[in-house]
């Protein structure tokens, strides 16, 4: 008797839900803003943001360098994952409800 089990919850016939933009990315003003007075330079956002929206700025004085937004249009529209990662609360994003009309869900 085999002790192996099969997982039937992930069938290959189940369509995947995907999202697509309904306008060119450069025309959608969805990107983070950064309060440099609040940013503590921890760089957690740089590590966490896979598209590469953030980079470290040049070091000024003895304090650690702040983060800067270098690639705002690489931010995925409606992505909010960087906000809770920011321990200082320096990252702000627009209201997602104002941008839902730019994104369409479809099944692949």
Protein backbone atom coordinates (compact mmCIF):
# COMPACT_ATOMS: atom_id res chain seq x y z
CA UNK A 1 0.00 0.00 0.00
CA UNK A 2 1.41 3.37 -1.00
CA UNK A 3 1.64 6.21 1.51
CA UNK A 4 1.74 8.86 -1.21
CA UNK A 5 -1.20 11.24 -1.44
CA UNK A 6 -2.38 13.28 -4.36
CA UNK A 7 -3.37 16.89 -4.14
CA UNK A 8 -6.42 17.48 -6.31
CA UNK A 9 -6.94 21.10 -5.27
CA UNK A 10 -4.55 22.39 -7.98
CA UNK A 11 -5.89 20.94 -11.19
CA UNK A 12 -4.07 21.82 -14.39
CA UNK A 13 -7.47 22.50 -16.00
CA UNK A 14 -8.27 25.38 -13.64
CA UNK A 15 -7.81 28.70 -15.46
CA UNK A 16 -5.45 31.19 -13.83
CA UNK A 17 -6.74 34.66 -13.10
CA UNK A 18 -4.49 37.32 -14.56
CA UNK A 19 -4.64 41.11 -14.76
CA UNK A 20 -3.92 43.43 -17.67
CA UNK A 21 -3.71 47.18 -17.97
CA UNK A 22 -6.28 49.01 -20.06
CA UNK A 23 -3.97 51.95 -20.77
CA UNK A 24 -0.23 52.34 -21.39
CA UNK A 25 1.63 52.13 -18.05
CA UNK A 26 3.19 55.58 -18.55
CA UNK A 27 -0.32 57.10 -18.60
CA UNK A 28 -1.32 55.61 -15.23
CA UNK A 29 -0.07 57.78 -12.34
CA UNK A 30 0.10 54.86 -9.87
CA UNK A 31 3.39 54.97 -8.00
CA UNK A 32 4.59 55.54 -4.44
CA UNK A 33 5.63 58.82 -2.91
CA UNK A 34 8.23 58.97 -0.19
CA UNK A 35 8.41 61.32 2.79
CA UNK A 36 12.16 61.81 3.18
CA UNK A 37 11.73 63.43 6.58
CA UNK A 38 10.17 60.20 7.84
CA UNK A 39 12.27 57.64 5.90
CA UNK A 40 14.84 56.00 8.17
CA UNK A 41 16.88 54.44 5.35
CA UNK A 42 16.25 50.85 6.44
CA UNK A 43 15.98 49.78 2.75
CA UNK A 44 13.35 47.10 3.44
CA UNK A 45 11.36 48.46 0.49
CA UNK A 46 14.33 47.96 -1.83
CA UNK A 47 14.66 44.32 -0.82
CA UNK A 48 10.92 43.66 -0.94
CA UNK A 49 10.04 45.43 -4.21
CA UNK A 50 10.91 42.97 -6.97
CA UNK A 51 10.16 45.36 -9.89
CA UNK A 52 12.89 47.73 -8.61
CA UNK A 53 11.03 50.96 -7.88
CA UNK A 54 13.36 52.02 -5.03
CA UNK A 55 17.13 52.56 -4.66
CA UNK A 56 19.38 53.98 -1.95
CA UNK A 57 20.27 57.63 -2.37
CA UNK A 58 23.80 58.92 -1.83
CA UNK A 59 24.98 59.01 1.78
CA UNK A 60 24.93 62.49 3.29
CA UNK A 61 26.97 62.96 6.43
CA UNK A 62 27.16 60.27 9.10
CA UNK A 63 23.54 59.12 8.87
CA UNK A 64 22.56 56.18 6.72
CA UNK A 65 21.37 57.09 3.22
CA UNK A 66 17.69 57.59 2.50
CA UNK A 67 15.71 55.68 -0.09
CA UNK A 68 14.71 57.30 -3.38
CA UNK A 69 12.17 56.36 -6.02
CA UNK A 70 14.11 55.84 -9.24
CA UNK A 71 11.70 53.79 -11.37
CA UNK A 72 8.15 54.89 -10.50
CA UNK A 73 6.52 53.33 -13.56
CA UNK A 74 7.90 49.91 -12.69
CA UNK A 75 5.45 49.92 -9.78
CA UNK A 76 2.69 47.40 -10.47
CA UNK A 77 -0.67 49.16 -10.70
CA UNK A 78 -2.73 48.45 -7.54
CA UNK A 79 0.22 46.83 -5.74
CA UNK A 80 0.40 48.03 -2.14
CA UNK A 81 2.91 45.55 -0.68
CA UNK A 82 5.60 48.13 0.10
CA UNK A 83 3.37 50.21 2.39
CA UNK A 84 3.15 47.74 5.32
CA UNK A 85 6.85 46.83 4.90
CA UNK A 86 7.90 50.44 5.54
CA UNK A 87 8.60 50.54 9.28
CA UNK A 88 8.73 54.34 9.36
CA UNK A 89 5.52 54.89 7.39
CA UNK A 90 7.30 57.00 4.78
CA UNK A 91 5.74 55.30 1.72
CA UNK A 92 2.35 56.50 0.49
CA UNK A 93 0.30 55.31 -2.47
CA UNK A 94 -2.79 56.72 -4.16
CA UNK A 95 -6.23 55.38 -3.28
CA UNK A 96 -6.60 52.03 -5.13
CA UNK A 97 -10.31 52.68 -5.82
CA UNK A 98 -9.31 55.62 -8.02
CA UNK A 99 -7.26 53.27 -10.25
CA UNK A 100 -9.36 50.09 -10.48
CA UNK A 101 -10.73 51.16 -13.87
CA UNK A 102 -7.21 50.84 -15.35
CA UNK A 103 -7.02 47.08 -14.60
CA UNK A 104 -9.01 44.21 -16.06
CA UNK A 105 -9.08 40.65 -14.72
CA UNK A 106 -9.23 37.76 -17.15
CA UNK A 107 -8.76 34.00 -17.09
CA UNK A 108 -5.84 32.43 -18.89
